[in-house]
Amino acid sequence: MEVDIQELKAGNEQAFRQLIAMHSRGIFNLCLGMIPNREDAEELTQDVFVEAYKHIGTFREGSHIKTWLFRIAMNKCYDHIKYSKRKKRHGIMQSLFDKDDNPIELPSNFQHPGIALDNQEHAKALYGALATLPENQHMAFTLYEMQGMDYKQIAETMAVSVSAVESLLSRARAGLRKKLHTYYTNNASS
C-alpha cells in the first residue's frame, strides 16, 4: 500500500503520518548503517521526514517515494559525516594548542538493534571497516546489503548508473575483505 502523493502534496497530515509509519524503520536503519550512533541516527531520521515534508512539492510523480526518501537520508548522512570530520579536526587542532581539551572520540559501546548481542563485536568490526570506505561505496553497500535494494533502486537513489552501482559494490566488497581479513586474522590468534 503506497501513500497518495497528491494527499501529501496537499498537506494531508494523515497521509504524512502514513508515510512515516511505512518508511521510518528503513530510513533509521540506513542512517544507523552510515552513522553507527543510535541518537544521531534517530535525529537524522527525523530530519529526513522534516525535509520531505518541506519539499514534497518537488517530488516527481514518476519516481518512487522510497528512493526519494532514501536519497534525502543519504544526503543527510553525508552532511553529518562531513560535519563530524570538521568537528573532529577542529577538536584535534584545539587539543594541540590547549592541553586541557581532549580530541573528540567515537563511542566504544556500539549497539545496533538488529544485531544479536553475541554478534555485536563482529558488527562493530564490520561498521568500523565500512566507515573507512569512500562514502559512495559505503552507501551502495549499505543500501544493497542492509536495506535489500536492488541495483536499479540503488542507482536511482544515488543518481548513478547501474554499472556504477556494480562497480561501487565490487570495490566496497574488496575493501571490506581486505580490512576484515586483518581483523579476523588478529582475533583468531588471540
Protein backbone atom coordinates (compact mmCIF):
# COMPACT_ATOMS: atom_id res chain seq x y z
CA MET A 1 0.00 0.00 0.00
CA GLU A 2 1.51 3.29 -1.09
CA VAL A 3 0.79 6.75 0.21
CA ASP A 4 -1.23 9.04 -2.05
CA ILE A 5 1.29 11.58 -3.32
CA GLN A 6 -1.42 14.12 -4.10
CA GLU A 7 -2.58 13.93 -0.48
CA LEU A 8 0.99 14.52 0.68
CA LYS A 9 1.36 17.49 -1.65
CA ALA A 10 -1.95 18.87 -0.38
CA GLY A 11 -0.54 18.82 3.17
CA ASN A 12 -2.69 15.97 4.48
CA GLU A 13 -1.24 15.14 7.91
CA GLN A 14 -2.75 11.64 7.96
CA ALA A 15 -1.02 10.81 4.66
CA PHE A 16 2.25 12.12 6.07
CA ARG A 17 1.85 10.01 9.23
CA GLN A 18 1.28 7.01 6.97
CA LEU A 19 4.45 7.85 5.03
CA ILE A 20 6.43 7.97 8.29
CA ALA A 21 4.94 4.69 9.52
CA MET A 22 5.80 2.96 6.25
CA HIS A 23 9.36 4.20 5.84
CA SER A 24 10.78 5.33 9.20
CA ARG A 25 12.30 1.95 10.09
CA GLY A 26 14.12 1.66 6.75
CA ILE A 27 15.36 5.25 6.95
CA PHE A 28 16.52 4.74 10.54
CA ASN A 29 18.38 1.54 9.60
CA LEU A 30 20.04 3.29 6.67
CA CYS A 31 21.15 6.16 8.91
CA LEU A 32 22.37 3.73 11.56
CA GLY A 33 24.28 1.83 8.88
CA MET A 34 26.06 5.02 7.85
CA ILE A 35 26.34 6.67 11.28
CA PRO A 36 26.72 3.92 13.92
CA ASN A 37 25.29 6.02 16.73
CA ARG A 38 21.66 5.44 17.71
CA GLU A 39 20.92 9.01 18.85
CA ASP A 40 22.42 10.54 15.71
CA ALA A 41 20.55 8.04 13.51
CA GLU A 42 17.26 8.88 15.26
CA GLU A 43 17.88 12.61 14.82
CA LEU A 44 18.81 12.16 11.16
CA THR A 45 15.66 10.08 10.59
CA GLN A 46 13.56 12.92 11.97
CA ASP A 47 15.47 15.40 9.80
CA VAL A 48 14.71 13.30 6.71
CA PHE A 49 10.97 13.48 7.31
CA VAL A 50 11.06 17.19 8.12
CA GLU A 51 12.92 17.75 4.85
CA ALA A 52 10.44 15.54 2.99
CA TYR A 53 7.51 17.47 4.45
CA LYS A 54 9.03 20.80 3.45
CA HIS A 55 9.94 19.70 -0.08
CA ILE A 56 7.19 17.23 -1.03
CA GLY A 57 6.17 19.68 -3.75
CA THR A 58 9.43 18.93 -5.58
CA PHE A 59 8.77 15.18 -5.68
CA ARG A 60 8.40 13.96 -9.27
CA GLU A 61 5.41 11.68 -9.81
CA GLY A 62 7.35 9.14 -11.91
CA SER A 63 9.78 8.36 -9.09
CA HIS A 64 9.34 6.05 -6.14
CA ILE A 65 8.78 7.80 -2.82
CA LYS A 66 11.05 5.28 -1.07
CA THR A 67 14.06 6.10 -3.25
CA TRP A 68 13.35 9.82 -2.87
CA LEU A 69 13.33 9.46 0.92
CA PHE A 70 16.49 7.34 0.85
CA ARG A 71 18.22 9.97 -1.28
CA ILE A 72 17.32 12.61 1.32
CA ALA A 73 18.62 10.28 4.04
CA MET A 74 21.82 9.63 2.08
CA ASN A 75 22.45 13.37 1.74
CA LYS A 76 21.72 13.95 5.43
CA CYS A 77 24.19 11.18 6.35
CA TYR A 78 26.87 12.61 4.05
CA ASP A 79 26.36 16.07 5.58
CA HIS A 80 26.59 14.60 9.08
CA ILE A 81 29.81 12.73 8.23
CA LYS A 82 31.38 15.87 6.76
CA TYR A 83 30.33 17.94 9.77
CA SER A 84 31.71 15.30 12.15
CA LYS A 85 35.05 15.21 10.32
CA ARG A 86 35.33 19.02 10.51
CA LYS A 87 34.39 18.94 14.18
CA LYS A 88 36.93 16.18 14.86
CA ARG A 89 39.69 18.06 13.02
CA HIS A 90 38.83 21.19 14.99
CA GLY A 91 38.94 19.17 18.23
CA ILE A 92 42.35 17.75 17.38
CA MET A 93 43.71 21.18 16.47
CA GLN A 94 42.25 22.60 19.67
CA SER A 95 43.91 19.85 21.71
CA LEU A 96 47.29 20.65 20.15
CA PHE A 97 47.09 24.23 21.34
CA ASP A 98 45.08 23.80 24.52
CA LYS A 99 46.24 20.88 26.67
CA ASP A 100 43.05 20.96 28.79
CA ASP A 101 40.83 19.81 25.89
CA ASN A 102 40.76 16.24 24.59
CA PRO A 103 40.06 15.34 20.98
CA ILE A 104 36.59 14.05 20.23
CA GLU A 105 36.30 10.26 20.46
CA LEU A 106 33.74 7.93 18.97
CA PRO A 107 31.60 5.90 21.40
CA SER A 108 33.06 2.46 22.09
CA ASN A 109 29.78 0.81 23.06
CA PHE A 110 28.34 0.29 19.57
CA GLN A 111 24.89 -1.30 19.68
CA HIS A 112 22.70 -1.95 16.63
CA PRO A 113 19.12 -3.02 17.40
CA GLY A 114 19.05 -5.52 14.52
CA ILE A 115 22.16 -7.41 15.56
CA ALA A 116 22.13 -10.14 18.21
CA LEU A 117 24.17 -9.47 21.32
CA ASP A 118 26.61 -12.30 20.60
CA ASN A 119 27.38 -10.74 17.18
CA GLN A 120 27.93 -7.18 18.43
CA GLU A 121 31.74 -7.48 18.34
CA HIS A 122 31.70 -8.69 14.73
CA ALA A 123 29.20 -5.97 13.83
CA LYS A 124 31.44 -3.36 15.42
CA ALA A 125 34.33 -4.60 13.25
CA LEU A 126 32.14 -4.50 10.13
CA TYR A 127 30.85 -0.99 10.82
CA GLY A 128 34.38 0.15 11.61
CA ALA A 129 35.59 -1.23 8.27
CA LEU A 130 32.60 0.31 6.47
CA ALA A 131 33.48 3.70 7.93
CA THR A 132 36.89 3.56 6.23
CA LEU A 133 35.38 3.09 2.76
CA PRO A 134 34.75 6.06 0.49
CA GLU A 135 31.26 7.43 1.19
CA ASN A 136 29.76 6.30 -2.13
CA GLN A 137 30.98 2.71 -1.64
CA HIS A 138 29.74 2.73 1.95
CA MET A 139 26.32 3.96 0.84
CA ALA A 140 26.00 1.46 -2.04
CA PHE A 141 26.97 -1.42 0.27
CA THR A 142 24.54 -0.27 2.97
CA LEU A 143 21.66 0.10 0.51
CA TYR A 144 22.29 -3.31 -1.06
CA GLU A 145 23.29 -5.50 1.87
CA MET A 146 21.41 -3.86 4.73
CA GLN A 147 18.39 -2.34 3.01
CA GLY A 148 17.87 -5.06 0.40
CA MET A 149 17.61 -2.64 -2.51
CA ASP A 150 18.32 -3.93 -6.00
CA TYR A 151 20.89 -2.32 -8.31
CA LYS A 152 18.27 -0.26 -10.13
CA GLN A 153 16.85 1.18 -6.89
CA ILE A 154 20.35 1.99 -5.65
CA ALA A 155 21.18 3.67 -8.95
CA GLU A 156 18.05 5.80 -8.67
CA THR A 157 18.72 6.65 -5.02
CA MET A 158 22.36 7.56 -5.61
CA ALA A 159 21.72 9.19 -9.02
CA VAL A 160 24.29 6.97 -10.77
CA SER A 161 24.12 4.26 -13.44
CA VAL A 162 23.51 0.59 -12.68
CA SER A 163 27.04 -0.22 -13.88
CA ALA A 164 28.39 2.38 -11.43
CA VAL A 165 26.50 0.61 -8.63
CA GLU A 166 28.03 -2.72 -9.67
CA SER A 167 31.48 -1.14 -9.60
CA LEU A 168 30.91 0.55 -6.23
CA LEU A 169 29.71 -2.71 -4.68
CA SER A 170 32.64 -4.66 -6.14
CA ARG A 171 35.16 -2.14 -4.76
CA ALA A 172 33.35 -2.00 -1.40
CA ARG A 173 33.44 -5.79 -1.03
CA ALA A 174 37.13 -5.93 -1.99
CA GLY A 175 37.95 -3.19 0.52
CA LEU A 176 35.93 -4.86 3.27
CA ARG A 177 37.52 -8.26 2.59
CA LYS A 178 40.96 -6.71 2.95
CA LYS A 179 40.13 -4.79 6.14
CA LEU A 180 38.18 -7.60 7.79
CA HIS A 181 40.79 -10.22 6.89
CA THR A 182 43.22 -8.31 9.11
CA TYR A 183 40.63 -8.13 11.91
CA TYR A 184 39.81 -11.83 11.81
CA THR A 185 43.46 -12.85 11.44
CA ASN A 186 44.41 -10.79 14.51
CA ASN A 187 41.45 -12.07 16.57
CA ALA A 188 41.96 -15.71 15.61
CA SER A 189 45.40 -15.68 17.20
CA SER A 190 44.01 -14.18 20.45
